[in-house]
Amino acid sequence: MSKENSINQGMTVLDVVHRFPSTEEVFRSYDQKAGVCVLCEALFETLEGFAGRFGIDLDELLNRLEKSPPGKST
């Protein structure tokens, strides 16, 4: 992703999913670890807050989101 399209720890989950719909799959992959539907319970949390709340490695999360293919998820 280019710099203007990059994902950063200060963005909310909603910001990321809205701008990059394919990241929805990445967030869903954390549902079991979080013990909740991430897209239901953490939409308004920053990525940093989400990672801290659910014990997720922030760097790993950011890397996975950045590697998510552009465009709509199916």
N, C-alpha and C. Protein backbone atom coordinates (compact mmCIF):
# COMPACT_ATOMS: atom_id res chain seq x y z
N MET A 1 0.84 -1.18 0.00
CA MET A 1 0.00 0.00 0.00
C MET A 1 0.88 1.23 0.00
N SER A 2 0.44 2.25 -0.71
CA SER A 2 1.21 3.49 -0.71
C SER A 2 1.03 4.19 0.63
N LYS A 3 1.89 5.17 0.88
CA LYS A 3 1.88 5.84 2.18
C LYS A 3 0.51 6.44 2.51
N GLU A 4 -0.14 7.07 1.53
CA GLU A 4 -1.45 7.68 1.80
C GLU A 4 -2.53 6.63 2.03
N ASN A 5 -2.27 5.41 1.62
CA ASN A 5 -3.22 4.32 1.82
C ASN A 5 -2.76 3.34 2.89
N SER A 6 -1.81 3.75 3.72
CA SER A 6 -1.29 2.83 4.71
C SER A 6 -2.20 2.75 5.93
N ILE A 7 -2.06 1.67 6.63
CA ILE A 7 -2.83 1.42 7.85
C ILE A 7 -1.91 1.68 9.03
N ASN A 8 -2.43 2.39 10.04
CA ASN A 8 -1.59 2.67 11.21
C ASN A 8 -2.36 2.37 12.49
N GLN A 9 -1.63 2.27 13.57
CA GLN A 9 -2.18 1.85 14.85
C GLN A 9 -3.22 2.80 15.43
N GLY A 10 -3.27 4.03 14.96
CA GLY A 10 -4.24 5.00 15.45
C GLY A 10 -5.60 4.93 14.77
N MET A 11 -5.68 4.15 13.69
CA MET A 11 -6.96 4.01 12.98
C MET A 11 -7.88 3.09 13.77
N THR A 12 -9.18 3.32 13.65
CA THR A 12 -10.13 2.41 14.28
C THR A 12 -10.35 1.21 13.37
N VAL A 13 -10.87 0.15 13.96
CA VAL A 13 -11.21 -1.04 13.17
C VAL A 13 -12.18 -0.63 12.06
N LEU A 14 -13.16 0.20 12.38
CA LEU A 14 -14.13 0.65 11.38
C LEU A 14 -13.45 1.42 10.25
N ASP A 15 -12.51 2.31 10.58
CA ASP A 15 -11.78 3.05 9.54
C ASP A 15 -11.10 2.10 8.57
N VAL A 16 -10.45 1.09 9.12
CA VAL A 16 -9.69 0.15 8.29
C VAL A 16 -10.63 -0.64 7.39
N VAL A 17 -11.69 -1.20 7.96
CA VAL A 17 -12.61 -2.02 7.17
C VAL A 17 -13.33 -1.18 6.12
N HIS A 18 -13.65 0.05 6.46
CA HIS A 18 -14.32 0.94 5.50
C HIS A 18 -13.41 1.27 4.32
N ARG A 19 -12.17 1.60 4.61
CA ARG A 19 -11.22 1.98 3.54
C ARG A 19 -10.68 0.78 2.79
N PHE A 20 -10.55 -0.35 3.48
CA PHE A 20 -9.94 -1.55 2.89
C PHE A 20 -10.83 -2.76 3.20
N PRO A 21 -11.92 -2.95 2.46
CA PRO A 21 -12.89 -4.01 2.77
C PRO A 21 -12.30 -5.41 2.87
N SER A 22 -11.23 -5.69 2.16
CA SER A 22 -10.66 -7.04 2.22
C SER A 22 -10.06 -7.36 3.59
N THR A 23 -9.83 -6.35 4.43
CA THR A 23 -9.28 -6.60 5.76
C THR A 23 -10.30 -7.24 6.70
N GLU A 24 -11.55 -7.25 6.30
CA GLU A 24 -12.59 -7.87 7.12
C GLU A 24 -12.21 -9.31 7.47
N GLU A 25 -11.65 -10.02 6.51
CA GLU A 25 -11.24 -11.41 6.74
C GLU A 25 -10.16 -11.52 7.81
N VAL A 26 -9.25 -10.56 7.83
CA VAL A 26 -8.19 -10.56 8.85
C VAL A 26 -8.81 -10.39 10.23
N PHE A 27 -9.71 -9.42 10.36
CA PHE A 27 -10.35 -9.20 11.66
C PHE A 27 -11.16 -10.42 12.09
N ARG A 28 -11.87 -11.04 11.16
CA ARG A 28 -12.66 -12.23 11.51
C ARG A 28 -11.76 -13.37 12.01
N SER A 29 -10.54 -13.41 11.52
CA SER A 29 -9.62 -14.47 11.96
C SER A 29 -9.24 -14.33 13.43
N TYR A 30 -9.49 -13.17 14.02
CA TYR A 30 -9.18 -12.95 15.44
C TYR A 30 -10.39 -13.17 16.35
N ASP A 31 -11.55 -13.49 15.80
CA ASP A 31 -12.75 -13.68 16.61
C ASP A 31 -12.56 -14.72 17.72
N GLN A 32 -11.99 -15.85 17.38
CA GLN A 32 -11.83 -16.91 18.37
C GLN A 32 -10.87 -16.49 19.48
N LYS A 33 -9.75 -15.91 19.12
CA LYS A 33 -8.78 -15.47 20.13
C LYS A 33 -9.39 -14.40 21.03
N ALA A 34 -10.15 -13.48 20.43
CA ALA A 34 -10.76 -12.40 21.19
C ALA A 34 -11.95 -12.90 22.01
N GLY A 35 -12.56 -13.98 21.57
CA GLY A 35 -13.73 -14.50 22.27
C GLY A 35 -15.00 -13.73 21.98
N VAL A 36 -14.93 -12.86 21.00
CA VAL A 36 -16.09 -12.06 20.56
C VAL A 36 -16.00 -11.86 19.06
N CYS A 37 -17.09 -11.43 18.48
CA CYS A 37 -17.07 -11.01 17.08
C CYS A 37 -16.38 -9.64 17.07
N VAL A 38 -15.19 -9.60 16.53
CA VAL A 38 -14.41 -8.36 16.53
C VAL A 38 -15.17 -7.24 15.81
N LEU A 39 -15.79 -7.58 14.69
CA LEU A 39 -16.49 -6.57 13.91
C LEU A 39 -17.80 -6.13 14.57
N CYS A 40 -18.22 -6.83 15.61
CA CYS A 40 -19.41 -6.44 16.38
C CYS A 40 -19.02 -5.65 17.63
N GLU A 41 -17.92 -6.04 18.25
CA GLU A 41 -17.56 -5.52 19.58
C GLU A 41 -16.42 -4.52 19.61
N ALA A 42 -15.66 -4.39 18.52
CA ALA A 42 -14.46 -3.54 18.59
C ALA A 42 -14.36 -2.54 17.45
N LEU A 43 -15.46 -2.25 16.78
CA LEU A 43 -15.41 -1.36 15.62
C LEU A 43 -14.84 0.02 15.91
N PHE A 44 -15.09 0.53 17.10
CA PHE A 44 -14.69 1.90 17.40
C PHE A 44 -13.38 1.99 18.18
N GLU A 45 -12.72 0.86 18.34
CA GLU A 45 -11.41 0.85 19.01
C GLU A 45 -10.31 1.10 17.99
N THR A 46 -9.25 1.76 18.44
CA THR A 46 -8.08 1.87 17.57
C THR A 46 -7.45 0.49 17.45
N LEU A 47 -6.63 0.32 16.44
CA LEU A 47 -5.94 -0.96 16.29
C LEU A 47 -5.07 -1.23 17.51
N GLU A 48 -4.44 -0.20 18.02
CA GLU A 48 -3.61 -0.35 19.22
C GLU A 48 -4.46 -0.77 20.42
N GLY A 49 -5.61 -0.14 20.59
CA GLY A 49 -6.52 -0.49 21.69
C GLY A 49 -7.08 -1.89 21.54
N PHE A 50 -7.45 -2.24 20.32
CA PHE A 50 -7.97 -3.58 20.03
C PHE A 50 -6.92 -4.63 20.38
N ALA A 51 -5.70 -4.43 19.90
CA ALA A 51 -4.63 -5.39 20.16
C ALA A 51 -4.37 -5.53 21.66
N GLY A 52 -4.31 -4.42 22.35
CA GLY A 52 -4.07 -4.45 23.79
C GLY A 52 -5.19 -5.13 24.56
N ARG A 53 -6.42 -4.83 24.19
CA ARG A 53 -7.59 -5.38 24.89
C ARG A 53 -7.67 -6.90 24.77
N PHE A 54 -7.28 -7.43 23.61
CA PHE A 54 -7.44 -8.85 23.36
C PHE A 54 -6.13 -9.63 23.32
N GLY A 55 -5.02 -9.00 23.71
CA GLY A 55 -3.74 -9.70 23.78
C GLY A 55 -3.20 -10.12 22.42
N ILE A 56 -3.39 -9.27 21.43
CA ILE A 56 -2.94 -9.56 20.07
C ILE A 56 -1.67 -8.76 19.79
N ASP A 57 -0.71 -9.38 19.15
CA ASP A 57 0.53 -8.71 18.80
C ASP A 57 0.23 -7.63 17.76
N LEU A 58 0.46 -6.37 18.12
CA LEU A 58 0.12 -5.24 17.25
C LEU A 58 0.90 -5.27 15.95
N ASP A 59 2.19 -5.57 16.01
CA ASP A 59 3.00 -5.60 14.79
C ASP A 59 2.50 -6.68 13.83
N GLU A 60 2.16 -7.84 14.38
CA GLU A 60 1.63 -8.93 13.54
C GLU A 60 0.31 -8.51 12.89
N LEU A 61 -0.57 -7.88 13.68
CA LEU A 61 -1.85 -7.41 13.16
C LEU A 61 -1.64 -6.42 12.02
N LEU A 62 -0.78 -5.43 12.23
CA LEU A 62 -0.53 -4.43 11.20
C LEU A 62 0.05 -5.07 9.94
N ASN A 63 0.96 -6.01 10.10
CA ASN A 63 1.54 -6.71 8.94
C ASN A 63 0.48 -7.47 8.17
N ARG A 64 -0.38 -8.18 8.89
CA ARG A 64 -1.44 -8.95 8.22
C ARG A 64 -2.41 -8.03 7.49
N LEU A 65 -2.75 -6.91 8.11
CA LEU A 65 -3.66 -5.96 7.46
C LEU A 65 -3.03 -5.35 6.22
N GLU A 66 -1.76 -5.00 6.31
CA GLU A 66 -1.06 -4.40 5.16
C GLU A 66 -0.96 -5.39 4.00
N LYS A 67 -0.85 -6.67 4.30
CA LYS A 67 -0.71 -7.69 3.26
C LYS A 67 -2.05 -8.12 2.68
N SER A 68 -3.12 -7.66 3.28
CA SER A 68 -4.45 -8.01 2.78
C SER A 68 -4.61 -7.47 1.36
N PRO A 69 -5.15 -8.28 0.46
CA PRO A 69 -5.26 -7.82 -0.93
C PRO A 69 -6.18 -6.61 -1.05
N PRO A 70 -5.86 -5.70 -1.95
CA PRO A 70 -6.72 -4.53 -2.14
C PRO A 70 -8.06 -4.93 -2.74
N GLY A 71 -9.03 -4.08 -2.58
CA GLY A 71 -10.33 -4.34 -3.18
C GLY A 71 -11.29 -4.98 -2.20
N LYS A 72 -12.42 -5.34 -2.70
CA LYS A 72 -13.49 -5.91 -1.88
C LYS A 72 -13.20 -7.36 -1.52
N SER A 73 -13.58 -7.72 -0.29
CA SER A 73 -13.47 -9.12 0.10
C SER A 73 -14.69 -9.86 -0.44
N THR A 74 -14.54 -11.16 -0.60
CA THR A 74 -15.67 -11.94 -1.13
C THR A 74 -16.20 -12.87 -0.09
